Amino acid sequence: MNEFWDKKGIKLFCAYINPIIIGVDIPLIFDFWNKNWTGFYIAVFVGIILLFLFAYTSYRTIRRENEKGQNEAILRAKIDSLEGKNKNLIKKEQSFDRGMRELATLFYDSSTSLNKISNHILHGDTTLDLWNFKKVSTGICNSIYTLLCEICNPCNDFTVNIMLADATATGNKRNITMIAHKGKYEKYPSKFEEKLYFNKYSSFYAVKVCKSNNTDIRILTTKAEVNEKFVYVDEDHPEYSQYVGIPIVCSGNKIICLLQICAFGNDKIGETKADILQIITKYIFPFTHYALLTYKVEKSLVSSFFMIDKNGKGGISDES
């Protein structure tokens, strides 16, 4: 039935010709009223049919327009939704590319420095001034901060630092030290490069995490949670909004480092704990794995240098 009414000829008749006929028929009705009763009834009958046809086709037109408007609204909502998803995908792709570039830079810097170190070893220089875990940690913190600014744009008030546990210390000498730091501002924390002894700074959250040797990731999503866990050494402390602590663990489930990410003011790493965990899993874990690798490489180099010194070989000649 809809096909009949949608035919071009029918639509033209109902839209243009029918109103003209109605306009002609109405005067005929009044004219036949006085002159011709048969013509009057015919004119009234035709008029009623035409008016019914006009009303029906007008209703169909109005309903079609309403349906068209509703369909356009639904289509617009779908388009907006797809555009939003597309923007999120583009943002994720850009963040992934940024992460890969940051990692590639770290790999390149390390490979270049290690090549130079190997050349120095051949000439008897067994120091790690060119490349060491502390320098790599600084690069990791810089890269993670840059990546977070990309992911959480326009938020950028973050700090990223690495706390290194003293693997040789025992008993009351156990401690951790912040060896690398990066934030929105150039100022370093007051405890930067200071040994935080477990017995003296036992109330510090980072100390608690490393002391417990619990390898779970810590995520504090609100200011209230952070204030509950943190101990502030003075009144003039920044306003934390979120905290993430990622233990870097070697074999035996021993924490060797703690990667910390803090957000301040109203800036956030993610809206929920699940959002933050997704960012950590997708973007931050590769840097922690790289940190563990470089830590192991440094330990291996130090052990090798010790063996060289112990054997009294000093340098290695070019002829060997």
Protein backbone atom coordinates (compact mmCIF):
# COMPACT_ATOMS: atom_id res chain seq x y z
CA MET A 1 0.00 0.00 0.00
CA ASN A 2 2.85 2.37 0.82
CA GLU A 3 4.27 1.75 -2.63
CA PHE A 4 1.04 3.06 -4.18
CA TRP A 5 1.08 6.31 -2.19
CA ASP A 6 4.80 6.75 -2.82
CA LYS A 7 4.39 6.71 -6.59
CA LYS A 8 5.49 9.97 -8.16
CA GLY A 9 2.20 10.54 -10.03
CA ILE A 10 0.04 9.95 -6.93
CA LYS A 11 2.24 12.26 -4.83
CA LEU A 12 2.04 15.03 -7.46
CA PHE A 13 -1.76 14.66 -7.71
CA CYS A 14 -2.28 14.76 -3.93
CA ALA A 15 0.13 17.64 -3.36
CA TYR A 16 -0.77 19.97 -6.23
CA ILE A 17 -3.82 18.89 -8.28
CA ASN A 18 -6.12 17.76 -5.47
CA PRO A 19 -6.11 21.15 -3.66
CA ILE A 20 -6.98 22.86 -6.97
CA ILE A 21 -9.91 20.50 -7.57
CA ILE A 22 -11.14 21.08 -3.98
CA GLY A 23 -10.89 24.81 -4.60
CA VAL A 24 -13.04 24.43 -7.73
CA ASP A 25 -15.51 22.00 -6.14
CA ILE A 26 -16.50 24.15 -3.17
CA PRO A 27 -18.07 26.96 -5.31
CA LEU A 28 -19.84 24.28 -7.38
CA ILE A 29 -21.47 22.89 -4.24
CA PHE A 30 -23.01 26.28 -3.43
CA ASP A 31 -23.97 26.81 -7.06
CA PHE A 32 -25.69 23.38 -7.32
CA TRP A 33 -27.48 24.01 -4.02
CA ASN A 34 -29.82 26.41 -5.75
CA LYS A 35 -29.88 24.94 -9.26
CA ASN A 36 -29.32 21.21 -9.40
CA TRP A 37 -29.83 18.80 -6.53
CA THR A 38 -28.25 15.91 -8.40
CA GLY A 39 -25.13 17.98 -9.15
CA PHE A 40 -25.12 19.16 -5.53
CA TYR A 41 -24.95 15.60 -4.14
CA ILE A 42 -22.28 14.63 -6.64
CA ALA A 43 -20.22 17.72 -5.80
CA VAL A 44 -20.59 17.08 -2.05
CA PHE A 45 -19.58 13.42 -2.48
CA VAL A 46 -16.56 14.32 -4.62
CA GLY A 47 -15.66 17.07 -2.15
CA ILE A 48 -15.77 14.69 0.81
CA ILE A 49 -13.60 12.14 -1.03
CA LEU A 50 -11.11 14.81 -2.02
CA LEU A 51 -11.02 16.33 1.47
CA PHE A 52 -10.49 12.87 2.99
CA LEU A 53 -7.71 12.24 0.48
CA PHE A 54 -6.15 15.61 1.28
CA ALA A 55 -6.35 14.97 5.03
CA TYR A 56 -4.90 11.48 4.70
CA THR A 57 -2.02 12.53 2.48
CA SER A 58 -1.29 15.52 4.75
CA TYR A 59 -1.20 13.17 7.76
CA ARG A 60 1.16 10.85 5.91
CA THR A 61 3.41 13.78 5.02
CA ILE A 62 3.48 15.08 8.62
CA ARG A 63 4.15 11.56 9.97
CA ARG A 64 6.94 11.06 7.43
CA GLU A 65 8.51 14.37 8.45
CA ASN A 66 8.33 13.41 12.14
CA GLU A 67 9.81 10.02 11.43
CA LYS A 68 12.49 11.67 9.32
CA GLY A 69 13.30 14.04 12.19
CA GLN A 70 13.44 11.16 14.67
CA ASN A 71 15.63 9.13 12.33
CA GLU A 72 17.92 12.11 11.82
CA ALA A 73 18.18 12.56 15.60
CA ILE A 74 19.00 8.87 16.05
CA LEU A 75 21.48 9.01 13.18
CA ARG A 76 23.09 12.15 14.64
CA ALA A 77 23.41 10.46 18.03
CA LYS A 78 25.04 7.45 16.38
CA ILE A 79 27.39 9.71 14.41
CA ASP A 80 28.32 11.63 17.58
CA SER A 81 28.96 8.34 19.37
CA LEU A 82 31.14 7.04 16.53
CA GLU A 83 33.02 10.35 16.34
CA GLY A 84 33.66 10.13 20.09
CA LYS A 85 34.93 6.57 19.75
CA ASN A 86 37.07 7.60 16.80
CA LYS A 87 38.61 10.44 18.80
CA ASN A 88 39.36 8.02 21.64
CA LEU A 89 40.98 5.60 19.21
CA ILE A 90 43.06 8.39 17.69
CA LYS A 91 44.10 9.51 21.17
CA LYS A 92 45.04 5.95 22.14
CA GLU A 93 47.01 5.54 18.93
CA GLN A 94 48.86 8.81 19.57
CA SER A 95 49.58 7.77 23.16
CA PHE A 96 50.83 4.37 22.02
CA ASP A 97 53.06 6.03 19.41
CA ARG A 98 54.41 8.40 22.06
CA GLY A 99 55.15 5.48 24.37
CA MET A 100 56.96 3.61 21.62
CA ARG A 101 59.02 6.69 20.75
CA GLU A 102 59.97 7.22 24.38
CA LEU A 103 61.01 3.57 24.75
CA ALA A 104 62.93 3.68 21.47
CA THR A 105 64.83 6.73 22.72
CA LEU A 106 65.70 4.97 25.97
CA PHE A 107 66.87 1.85 24.10
CA TYR A 108 68.97 3.92 21.71
CA ASP A 109 70.61 5.92 24.51
CA SER A 110 71.42 2.77 26.45
CA SER A 111 72.79 0.87 23.45
CA THR A 112 74.99 3.82 22.49
CA SER A 113 76.29 4.23 26.04
CA LEU A 114 76.90 0.51 26.50
CA ASN A 115 78.91 0.41 23.26
CA LYS A 116 81.10 3.20 24.61
CA ILE A 117 81.48 1.39 27.93
CA SER A 118 82.55 -1.81 26.21
CA ASN A 119 85.19 0.19 24.35
CA HIS A 120 86.40 1.73 27.61
CA ILE A 121 86.62 -1.71 29.22
CA LEU A 122 89.04 -2.76 26.51
CA HIS A 123 91.28 0.08 27.68
CA GLY A 124 91.02 -0.74 31.37
CA ASP A 125 88.30 1.72 32.39
CA THR A 126 85.77 -0.21 34.50
CA THR A 127 83.62 2.69 35.70
CA LEU A 128 79.95 3.24 34.90
CA ASP A 129 79.96 7.01 34.58
CA LEU A 130 78.60 6.91 31.03
CA TRP A 131 75.72 4.59 31.78
CA ASN A 132 74.20 3.35 35.01
CA PHE A 133 70.84 2.50 36.51
CA LYS A 134 70.41 5.96 38.04
CA LYS A 135 70.78 7.65 34.64
CA VAL A 136 68.38 5.18 33.06
CA SER A 137 65.90 5.77 35.88
CA THR A 138 66.01 9.51 35.22
CA GLY A 139 65.26 8.85 31.55
CA ILE A 140 62.39 6.52 32.50
CA CYS A 141 60.83 9.14 34.78
CA ASN A 142 61.12 11.79 32.05
CA SER A 143 59.53 9.47 29.48
CA ILE A 144 56.65 8.41 31.74
CA TYR A 145 55.91 12.04 32.64
CA THR A 146 55.85 13.02 28.95
CA LEU A 147 53.62 10.05 28.17
CA LEU A 148 51.18 10.86 30.99
CA CYS A 149 50.85 14.43 29.72
CA GLU A 150 49.89 12.95 26.33
CA ILE A 151 47.41 10.45 27.79
CA CYS A 152 45.82 12.76 30.37
CA ASN A 153 45.85 15.97 28.32
CA PRO A 154 45.16 18.73 29.40
CA CYS A 155 46.27 17.50 32.86
CA ASN A 156 50.02 17.82 33.43
CA ASP A 157 50.56 18.33 37.14
CA PHE A 158 52.22 15.00 37.86
CA THR A 159 55.45 13.77 39.38
CA VAL A 160 57.19 10.49 38.57
CA ASN A 161 59.99 9.14 40.72
CA ILE A 162 61.89 5.94 41.39
CA MET A 163 62.83 4.79 44.88
CA LEU A 164 65.77 2.36 44.92
CA ALA A 165 66.08 -0.16 47.72
CA ASP A 166 69.58 -0.78 49.12
CA ALA A 167 70.13 -4.43 48.25
CA THR A 168 73.26 -4.74 50.43
CA ALA A 169 71.81 -3.26 53.62
CA THR A 170 70.46 -5.42 56.44
CA GLY A 171 68.79 -4.85 59.79
CA ASN A 172 68.63 -1.21 60.87
CA LYS A 173 70.61 -0.17 57.79
CA ARG A 174 67.83 -1.08 55.35
CA ASN A 175 66.78 1.95 53.35
CA ILE A 176 65.43 3.31 50.09
CA THR A 177 66.60 6.35 48.12
CA MET A 178 64.85 8.47 45.53
CA ILE A 179 67.33 8.30 42.65
CA ALA A 180 65.22 9.83 39.87
CA HIS A 181 62.45 12.41 39.68
CA LYS A 182 60.46 14.29 37.05
CA GLY A 183 57.55 16.66 37.45
CA LYS A 184 55.84 19.72 36.07
CA TYR A 185 58.32 21.91 37.95
CA GLU A 186 62.10 21.55 38.06
CA LYS A 187 62.30 21.60 41.86
CA TYR A 188 63.37 18.31 43.42
CA PRO A 189 61.70 16.93 46.59
CA SER A 190 63.45 17.70 49.86
CA LYS A 191 64.22 14.00 50.37
CA PHE A 192 65.74 13.51 46.91
CA GLU A 193 68.88 11.31 47.08
CA GLU A 194 68.53 11.05 50.86
CA LYS A 195 68.56 7.59 52.41
CA LEU A 196 65.22 6.86 54.05
CA TYR A 197 66.02 4.29 56.71
CA PHE A 198 63.20 1.88 57.46
CA ASN A 199 63.38 2.37 61.22
CA LYS A 200 63.65 6.19 61.09
CA TYR A 201 61.06 6.84 58.35
CA SER A 202 58.73 3.94 59.03
CA SER A 203 55.65 6.17 58.69
CA PHE A 204 56.50 7.15 55.08
CA TYR A 205 54.23 5.38 52.62
CA ALA A 206 57.02 4.44 50.20
CA VAL A 207 59.00 2.97 53.09
CA LYS A 208 55.95 0.99 54.24
CA VAL A 209 55.50 -0.47 50.76
CA CYS A 210 59.14 -1.52 50.36
CA LYS A 211 59.41 -2.73 53.95
CA SER A 212 56.32 -4.93 53.61
CA ASN A 213 57.67 -6.45 50.38
CA ASN A 214 54.07 -6.71 49.19
CA THR A 215 54.33 -6.57 45.41
CA ASP A 216 50.74 -5.42 44.78
CA ILE A 217 50.24 -2.19 42.85
CA ARG A 218 48.98 0.62 45.08
CA ILE A 219 46.36 2.93 43.59
CA LEU A 220 44.83 5.77 45.62
CA THR A 221 42.15 7.50 43.56
CA THR A 222 40.98 10.33 45.83
CA LYS A 223 42.49 13.08 47.93
CA ALA A 224 40.96 11.50 51.04
CA GLU A 225 42.67 8.16 50.34
CA VAL A 226 46.03 9.83 49.79
CA ASN A 227 45.77 11.96 52.92
CA GLU A 228 44.87 8.86 54.92
CA LYS A 229 48.00 6.99 53.78
CA PHE A 230 50.55 9.79 53.53
CA VAL A 231 52.53 11.46 56.30
CA TYR A 232 53.57 15.04 55.59
CA VAL A 233 56.81 16.38 57.05
CA ASP A 234 55.63 20.00 56.98
CA GLU A 235 52.50 22.07 56.51
CA ASP A 236 53.63 23.44 53.16
CA HIS A 237 53.02 20.27 51.18
CA PRO A 238 51.41 19.94 47.75
CA GLU A 239 47.78 18.91 47.47
CA TYR A 240 47.85 15.31 46.25
CA SER A 241 44.86 14.10 44.28
CA GLN A 242 45.96 10.57 43.27
CA TYR A 243 48.85 8.18 43.85
CA VAL A 244 50.19 5.09 42.09
CA GLY A 245 52.96 2.89 43.46
CA ILE A 246 54.33 0.13 41.20
CA PRO A 247 56.86 -2.22 42.79
CA ILE A 248 59.62 -3.38 40.44
CA VAL A 249 60.36 -6.92 41.49
CA CYS A 250 63.25 -9.26 40.79
CA SER A 251 63.37 -13.02 41.16
CA GLY A 252 62.27 -14.16 44.58
CA ASN A 253 59.56 -11.48 44.71
CA LYS A 254 61.95 -8.97 46.23
CA ILE A 255 61.19 -5.30 45.65
CA ILE A 256 64.25 -3.61 44.20
CA CYS A 257 62.55 -0.34 43.20
CA LEU A 258 59.30 1.49 43.63
CA LEU A 259 57.99 3.57 40.73
CA GLN A 260 55.71 6.28 42.09
CA ILE A 261 53.30 8.51 40.16
CA CYS A 262 51.53 11.36 41.92
CA ALA A 263 48.86 13.74 40.66
CA PHE A 264 48.20 17.11 42.27
CA GLY A 265 45.43 19.66 42.58
CA ASN A 266 42.48 18.73 40.38
CA ASP A 267 44.54 16.80 37.82
CA LYS A 268 43.93 13.06 37.55
CA ILE A 269 45.66 10.05 36.05
CA GLY A 270 42.24 8.40 35.54
CA GLU A 271 38.70 8.76 36.80
CA THR A 272 38.50 5.36 38.48
CA LYS A 273 40.86 2.71 39.80
CA ALA A 274 40.03 0.57 36.76
CA ASP A 275 40.93 3.45 34.41
CA ILE A 276 44.27 3.98 36.16
CA LEU A 277 45.05 0.27 36.16
CA GLN A 278 44.34 0.13 32.42
CA ILE A 279 46.79 2.98 31.79
CA ILE A 280 49.43 1.26 33.93
CA THR A 281 48.97 -2.08 32.18
CA LYS A 282 48.93 -0.65 28.66
CA TYR A 283 51.53 2.11 28.88
CA ILE A 284 53.62 2.02 32.08
CA PHE A 285 54.51 -1.68 32.47
CA PRO A 286 56.97 -1.67 29.52
CA PHE A 287 59.02 0.98 31.36
CA THR A 288 59.08 -1.05 34.57
CA HIS A 289 60.26 -4.11 32.63
CA TYR A 290 62.97 -1.98 31.04
CA ALA A 291 63.98 -0.68 34.47
CA LEU A 292 64.35 -4.24 35.76
CA LEU A 293 66.43 -5.18 32.72
CA THR A 294 68.83 -2.26 33.13
CA TYR A 295 69.10 -2.94 36.87
CA LYS A 296 70.19 -6.51 36.08
CA VAL A 297 72.61 -5.33 33.38
CA GLU A 298 74.25 -2.90 35.80
CA LYS A 299 74.61 -5.64 38.42
CA SER A 300 76.17 -7.92 35.82
CA LEU A 301 78.63 -5.24 34.76
CA VAL A 302 79.60 -4.49 38.37
CA SER A 303 80.16 -8.21 38.98
CA SER A 304 82.28 -8.44 35.83
CA PHE A 305 84.38 -5.44 36.88
CA PHE A 306 84.88 -7.00 40.31
CA MET A 307 86.14 -10.21 38.73
CA ILE A 308 88.49 -8.23 36.46
CA ASP A 309 89.90 -6.29 39.43
CA LYS A 310 90.12 -9.44 41.55
CA ASN A 311 92.13 -11.23 38.86
CA GLY A 312 94.38 -8.20 38.56
CA LYS A 313 93.98 -7.95 34.81
CA GLY A 314 93.17 -4.27 34.71
CA GLY A 315 92.88 -3.56 31.01
CA ILE A 316 92.51 -5.92 28.12
CA SER A 317 94.97 -5.45 25.31
CA ASP A 318 93.82 -4.89 21.77
CA GLU A 319 95.69 -8.02 20.72
CA SER A 320 93.66 -10.37 22.89
